[in-house]
Protein backbone atom coordinates (compact mmCIF):
# COMPACT_ATOMS: atom_id res chain seq x y z
CA MET A 1 33.38 -24.03 -30.72
CA LYS A 2 34.33 -20.84 -29.92
CA LYS A 3 35.97 -19.15 -27.14
CA ILE A 4 34.10 -15.85 -25.59
CA ASN A 5 36.91 -14.20 -23.98
CA ILE A 6 34.68 -12.03 -20.55
CA LYS A 7 37.94 -10.16 -18.98
CA PHE A 8 37.72 -8.65 -22.90
CA LEU A 9 33.38 -7.70 -22.71
CA PHE A 10 34.68 -5.83 -19.24
CA ARG A 11 37.30 -3.61 -20.60
CA LYS A 12 37.34 -0.17 -20.71
CA LYS A 13 37.98 1.22 -24.10
CA ASN A 14 40.33 3.91 -24.01
CA LYS A 15 39.16 6.85 -26.92
CA ILE A 16 40.65 9.99 -26.83
CA GLY A 17 38.05 12.49 -28.13
CA ASN A 18 38.32 16.27 -29.10
CA LEU A 19 39.04 17.70 -25.66
CA ASP A 20 37.10 20.76 -27.04
CA GLU A 21 34.02 20.07 -27.81
CA VAL A 22 33.41 17.91 -24.23
CA GLY A 23 32.70 20.02 -21.09
CA ALA A 24 33.65 17.15 -18.70
CA TRP A 25 36.03 15.17 -19.55
CA PRO A 26 36.44 11.69 -19.07
CA VAL A 27 32.78 11.81 -19.56
CA ASN A 28 31.72 7.34 -20.67
CA TYR A 29 27.65 7.91 -21.57
CA LEU A 30 27.55 3.82 -22.46
CA ARG A 31 29.29 3.47 -18.41
CA ASP A 32 26.70 5.42 -16.62
CA TRP A 33 23.60 4.38 -18.43
CA GLU A 34 24.37 0.62 -17.36
CA ILE A 35 25.18 2.26 -13.59
CA MET A 36 21.87 4.45 -13.67
CA VAL A 37 19.67 1.16 -15.57
CA LEU A 38 21.20 -1.78 -13.82
CA ALA A 39 20.55 0.79 -10.29
CA PHE A 40 17.11 1.03 -10.78
CA ALA A 41 16.59 -2.32 -11.96
CA VAL A 42 18.19 -4.07 -8.65
CA GLY A 43 15.96 -1.50 -6.90
CA LEU A 44 13.25 -2.85 -8.58
CA ILE A 45 14.20 -5.79 -7.45
CA ALA A 46 14.24 -5.23 -4.31
CA LEU A 47 11.35 -3.81 -3.55
CA SER A 48 9.06 -6.16 -5.95
CA ILE A 49 11.05 -8.94 -3.61
CA PHE A 50 9.23 -6.69 0.03
CA SER A 51 6.57 -5.64 -1.05
CA TRP A 52 6.13 -9.61 -1.93
CA ARG A 53 7.49 -10.55 1.72
CA ILE A 54 4.41 -8.45 3.43
CA TYR A 55 2.11 -9.28 1.12
CA LEU A 56 2.86 -12.74 2.38
CA GLY A 57 3.65 -11.84 5.81
CA ASN A 58 0.15 -9.30 6.83
CA LYS A 59 -2.06 -11.80 6.09
CA ILE A 60 -3.27 -10.39 3.36
CA ALA A 61 -3.56 -13.55 1.08
CA GLY A 62 -3.58 -15.77 4.53
CA GLY A 63 -0.38 -15.92 5.84
CA TYR A 64 1.96 -18.20 4.73
CA PHE A 65 0.34 -20.73 6.68
CA VAL A 66 -3.87 -21.10 7.19
CA PRO A 67 -3.90 -20.82 10.96
CA GLU A 68 -6.38 -23.76 11.95
CA ILE A 69 -9.31 -23.26 14.11
CA ASN A 70 -10.38 -25.34 17.18
CA SER A 71 -13.52 -25.61 18.33
CA ALA A 72 -12.70 -25.43 21.49
CA ASP A 73 -11.18 -21.98 21.33
CA VAL A 74 -14.88 -20.46 20.09
CA SER A 75 -16.38 -18.60 22.11
CA THR A 76 -20.47 -17.95 21.92
CA LYS A 77 -21.68 -14.73 24.35
CA ILE A 78 -25.36 -14.74 26.03
CA VAL A 79 -27.66 -12.11 23.81
CA ASP A 80 -29.66 -10.28 26.96
CA LEU A 81 -33.17 -9.94 25.99
CA SER A 82 -33.92 -7.06 29.12
CA ARG A 83 -31.37 -4.93 27.86
CA LEU A 84 -32.42 -6.10 24.08
CA LYS A 85 -36.05 -4.51 24.17
CA LYS A 86 -34.51 -1.56 26.98
CA ASP A 87 -32.31 -0.60 24.09
CA LEU A 88 -34.76 -1.17 21.47
CA SER A 89 -37.96 1.17 23.24
CA ILE A 90 -35.25 4.33 23.35
CA LEU A 91 -34.77 3.40 19.57
CA ASP A 92 -38.16 3.83 19.43
CA SER A 93 -38.99 7.18 21.35
CA LYS A 94 -35.83 8.36 19.46
CA GLN A 95 -37.59 7.36 16.32
CA GLU A 96 -40.89 9.12 17.55
CA GLN A 97 -39.53 12.29 18.55
CA PHE A 98 -38.14 12.80 14.86
CA ILE A 99 -40.50 12.05 13.08
CA LYS A 100 -42.23 14.88 15.51
CA LEU A 101 -39.17 16.89 14.81
CA LYS A 102 -39.95 16.29 11.46
CA THR A 103 -43.77 17.09 11.10
CA ASN A 104 -42.93 20.30 13.64
CA GLN A 105 -40.35 22.08 12.04
CA PRO A 106 -39.86 24.65 14.31
CA LYS A 107 -40.26 28.00 11.88
CA LEU A 108 -36.97 30.02 11.68
CA VAL A 109 -36.81 33.78 11.80
CA ASP A 110 -34.66 35.40 9.80
CA PRO A 111 -32.06 37.54 12.23
CA SER A 112 -31.72 40.66 9.83
CA LEU A 113 -35.63 42.01 9.95
């Protein structure tokens, strides 16, 4: 079995090129791209973990645990029939007024005349 030397993989390669062609020396494009891709990958993974925590923690997907609803905690509201009848009469009167306005629309006078 062939042994892999890990130090050899990460060792910086020193190459001296033509200094007249390069504007900024030393330029190592491979190293720069590796840093950018690694930073992007780490950022993407961190953003994914953060968004997954929000998705689960903010009860968008039901939260971590689904809460149990006890029947004793459920409150019931009683409808007041007299108040409901008053509201219905108000709505009926508003509907009648709307129908009157719709059938007998006021004539608009042109102000430029």
